[in-house]
Protein backbone atom coordinates (compact mmCIF):
# COMPACT_ATOMS: atom_id res chain seq x y z
CA MET A 1 -59.82 31.15 41.52
CA VAL A 2 -60.73 34.13 43.68
CA THR A 3 -63.69 34.18 46.08
CA LYS A 4 -65.44 37.55 46.32
CA ILE A 5 -67.42 38.45 49.44
CA MET A 6 -69.36 41.59 50.27
CA ILE A 7 -70.33 42.35 53.85
CA VAL A 8 -73.23 44.80 53.99
CA GLY A 9 -75.09 46.30 56.92
CA VAL A 10 -75.52 49.49 58.85
CA GLY A 11 -73.02 51.33 61.00
CA GLY A 12 -72.56 49.85 64.46
CA GLN A 13 -73.31 46.24 63.49
CA GLY A 14 -69.72 45.03 63.54
CA THR A 15 -69.06 44.63 59.82
CA LEU A 16 -65.43 45.69 60.20
CA LEU A 17 -64.76 43.06 62.89
CA ALA A 18 -66.43 40.49 60.65
CA SER A 19 -64.15 41.41 57.74
CA ARG A 20 -61.10 41.05 59.98
CA VAL A 21 -62.20 37.60 61.17
CA ILE A 22 -62.79 36.49 57.57
CA GLY A 23 -59.39 37.86 56.56
CA ASN A 24 -57.67 36.02 59.41
CA ALA A 25 -59.48 32.74 58.67
CA VAL A 26 -58.61 32.70 54.96
CA THR A 27 -55.01 33.79 55.63
CA ALA A 28 -54.65 30.88 58.08
CA GLU A 29 -55.88 28.58 55.32
CA GLY A 30 -53.01 29.82 53.13
CA TYR A 31 -54.85 32.18 50.80
CA ASP A 32 -53.85 35.64 49.65
CA VAL A 33 -56.51 38.06 50.90
CA LYS A 34 -57.43 41.68 50.34
CA VAL A 35 -59.93 43.48 52.58
CA SER A 36 -61.30 46.92 51.82
CA GLU A 37 -62.02 49.67 54.26
CA VAL A 38 -65.62 50.27 55.20
CA HIS A 39 -67.39 52.33 52.57
CA GLY A 40 -70.46 54.37 53.47
CA MET A 41 -71.84 56.07 56.53
CA SER A 42 -69.92 54.42 59.32
CA GLN A 43 -71.78 56.20 62.10
CA ARG A 44 -74.52 54.13 63.65
CA GLY A 45 -77.41 53.65 61.29
CA GLY A 46 -75.79 54.48 57.92
CA SER A 47 -75.32 51.92 55.15
CA VAL A 48 -71.86 50.30 55.08
CA VAL A 49 -70.14 47.82 52.76
CA THR A 50 -66.83 45.98 53.06
CA TYR A 51 -65.20 43.80 50.42
CA VAL A 52 -63.14 40.67 51.07
CA LYS A 53 -61.46 38.77 48.25
CA TYR A 54 -59.28 35.70 48.69
CA GLY A 55 -57.56 33.16 46.48
CA ASP A 56 -54.13 32.14 45.22
CA LYS A 57 -53.33 35.75 44.22
CA VAL A 58 -55.57 38.76 44.77
CA TYR A 59 -54.76 42.19 43.35
CA SER A 60 -57.65 44.33 44.57
CA PRO A 61 -60.33 44.02 47.25
CA ILE A 62 -63.06 45.73 45.22
CA VAL A 63 -66.01 43.62 44.06
CA VAL A 64 -67.92 44.88 41.05
CA GLU A 65 -71.62 44.56 40.32
CA GLY A 66 -72.66 41.04 39.30
CA GLU A 67 -69.46 39.34 40.46
CA ALA A 68 -69.83 38.66 44.20
CA ASP A 69 -69.84 34.99 45.15
CA ILE A 70 -71.31 35.77 48.57
CA VAL A 71 -73.14 38.72 50.09
CA LEU A 72 -73.23 38.57 53.88
CA ALA A 73 -76.05 40.93 54.83
CA PHE A 74 -76.39 42.03 58.44
CA GLU A 75 -79.83 43.57 57.79
CA SER A 76 -82.72 42.75 55.41
CA LEU A 77 -82.97 46.03 53.49
CA GLU A 78 -79.20 46.06 52.97
CA ALA A 79 -79.50 42.56 51.49
CA LEU A 80 -82.00 43.85 48.95
CA ARG A 81 -80.01 47.03 48.31
CA TRP A 82 -76.80 45.15 47.44
CA SER A 83 -78.21 41.94 45.92
CA HIS A 84 -77.41 43.06 42.36
CA TYR A 85 -73.73 42.63 43.22
CA LEU A 86 -74.21 38.85 43.44
CA LYS A 87 -73.36 36.75 40.41
CA ASP A 88 -76.01 34.39 39.06
CA GLY A 89 -76.20 31.46 41.45
CA GLY A 90 -74.37 33.43 44.17
CA GLN A 91 -74.99 32.97 47.90
CA MET A 92 -76.91 35.56 49.94
CA ILE A 93 -76.70 35.08 53.70
CA VAL A 94 -79.16 37.48 55.27
CA ASN A 95 -79.98 38.39 58.84
CA THR A 96 -83.77 38.82 58.96
CA GLN A 97 -83.41 41.79 61.32
CA GLU A 98 -84.97 45.05 60.09
CA ILE A 99 -83.39 48.38 61.06
CA ASP A 100 -85.31 51.42 59.89
CA PRO A 101 -83.18 53.82 57.81
CA MET A 102 -83.59 57.56 58.32
CA PRO A 103 -86.22 58.03 55.53
CA VAL A 104 -88.41 55.43 57.25
CA ILE A 105 -87.81 56.95 60.69
CA THR A 106 -88.84 60.39 59.43
CA GLY A 107 -91.92 58.99 57.69
CA ALA A 108 -90.75 59.95 54.19
CA GLU A 109 -90.71 56.31 53.07
CA LYS A 110 -91.99 52.90 54.16
CA TYR A 111 -89.76 49.92 54.92
CA PRO A 112 -90.08 47.51 51.96
CA GLU A 113 -92.23 44.44 52.49
CA GLU A 114 -91.49 40.86 51.52
CA ILE A 115 -87.75 41.37 51.10
CA LEU A 116 -86.94 37.66 51.39
CA GLU A 117 -89.54 36.84 48.74
CA GLN A 118 -88.02 39.45 46.42
CA LEU A 119 -84.55 37.96 46.94
CA GLU A 120 -85.75 34.40 46.41
CA MET A 121 -87.23 35.35 43.01
CA ARG A 122 -83.70 36.08 41.74
CA ASN A 123 -81.18 33.53 40.48
CA ILE A 124 -79.35 33.40 43.83
CA ASN A 125 -79.25 31.09 46.83
CA VAL A 126 -80.75 32.70 49.92
CA THR A 127 -79.99 31.60 53.47
CA ALA A 128 -82.06 33.62 55.95
CA VAL A 129 -81.14 33.53 59.63
CA ASP A 130 -82.67 35.36 62.58
CA ALA A 131 -79.21 36.19 63.93
CA LEU A 132 -80.57 38.85 66.29
CA THR A 133 -82.75 36.35 68.17
CA ILE A 134 -79.84 33.90 68.34
CA ALA A 135 -77.50 36.60 69.69
CA GLU A 136 -80.07 37.82 72.21
CA GLY A 137 -80.50 34.22 73.36
CA LEU A 138 -76.77 34.19 74.13
CA GLY A 139 -77.17 37.35 76.17
CA ASN A 140 -75.84 40.06 73.84
CA ALA A 141 -77.48 41.43 70.69
CA LYS A 142 -74.11 42.78 69.54
CA ALA A 143 -72.98 39.21 68.75
CA VAL A 144 -75.12 39.21 65.58
CA ASN A 145 -71.99 39.68 63.46
CA VAL A 146 -70.29 36.56 64.81
CA VAL A 147 -73.49 34.51 64.53
CA LEU A 148 -73.50 35.45 60.83
CA LEU A 149 -69.82 34.51 60.56
CA GLY A 150 -70.76 31.05 61.82
CA VAL A 151 -73.33 30.77 59.03
CA LEU A 152 -70.77 31.97 56.49
CA ALA A 153 -68.21 29.47 57.77
CA LYS A 154 -70.64 26.60 57.21
CA HIS A 155 -71.00 27.73 53.56
CA SER A 156 -67.25 28.22 53.03
CA ASN A 157 -64.38 26.04 51.89
CA ILE A 158 -62.35 27.09 54.94
CA ALA A 159 -61.88 24.57 57.76
CA LYS A 160 -64.03 25.27 60.84
CA GLU A 161 -60.91 25.20 63.06
CA LYS A 162 -59.43 28.11 61.06
CA TRP A 163 -62.59 30.13 61.67
CA VAL A 164 -62.55 29.40 65.40
CA GLU A 165 -58.88 30.39 65.61
CA ALA A 166 -59.66 33.59 63.67
CA VAL A 167 -62.39 34.48 66.17
CA ARG A 168 -59.96 33.77 69.03
CA SER A 169 -57.24 35.96 67.52
CA THR A 170 -59.50 38.84 66.49
CA VAL A 171 -62.12 39.31 69.22
CA PRO A 172 -61.12 41.09 72.45
CA ALA A 173 -60.52 38.61 75.29
CA LYS A 174 -63.35 39.93 77.46
CA PHE A 175 -65.87 39.06 74.71
CA LEU A 176 -64.25 35.84 73.54
CA GLU A 177 -66.51 33.31 75.31
CA LEU A 178 -69.66 35.05 74.04
CA ASN A 179 -68.32 35.25 70.49
CA LEU A 180 -67.21 31.63 70.39
CA ALA A 181 -70.73 30.67 71.48
CA ALA A 182 -72.19 33.02 68.84
CA PHE A 183 -70.01 31.50 66.13
CA GLU A 184 -71.04 27.96 67.10
CA ALA A 185 -74.72 28.96 67.21
CA GLY A 186 -74.49 30.41 63.70
CA TYR A 187 -72.56 27.42 62.41
CA THR A 188 -75.24 25.10 63.84
CA ALA A 189 -78.12 27.25 62.51
CA ALA A 190 -76.76 27.23 58.95
CA TYR A 191 -78.27 24.87 56.45
């Protein structure tokens, strides 16, 4: 069996670091893993997506529409935008943060309303977390990505210790204490 994860967000949110932590955690658990490069507008504010697949043997990191087991969404609109990639009964973990895309900033479009309600009407499991508020409470809004990793870890079949070790081995030392606290906060916030 292969687990298929999509990490979606906007440039500058730390999706690439998150994919590396996931890759390190599942490798430590003994799985074969493939991680894609970031696809999309990687400069701050553009939509980005990363694929992570792990299992006994994985041949490609790409996840096709309707087959993702988990979508880890760093931003609400990105959750809605990529939700059709989830399989029926899949798990959507969504940060409730809203970041206006360029069409909204310029006034050409309005930010969609009731995104969580739209997601919950689909045949998927939705876990919504205000990761931004949690990260800000720890003193650094940039820790949103690791808060979300804590939520993902709680929903995974990977031992918590493997996740913690992956954070330790992936995050730069000067940010380690903050990120360990962010991971624990996300793990605790998950339901």
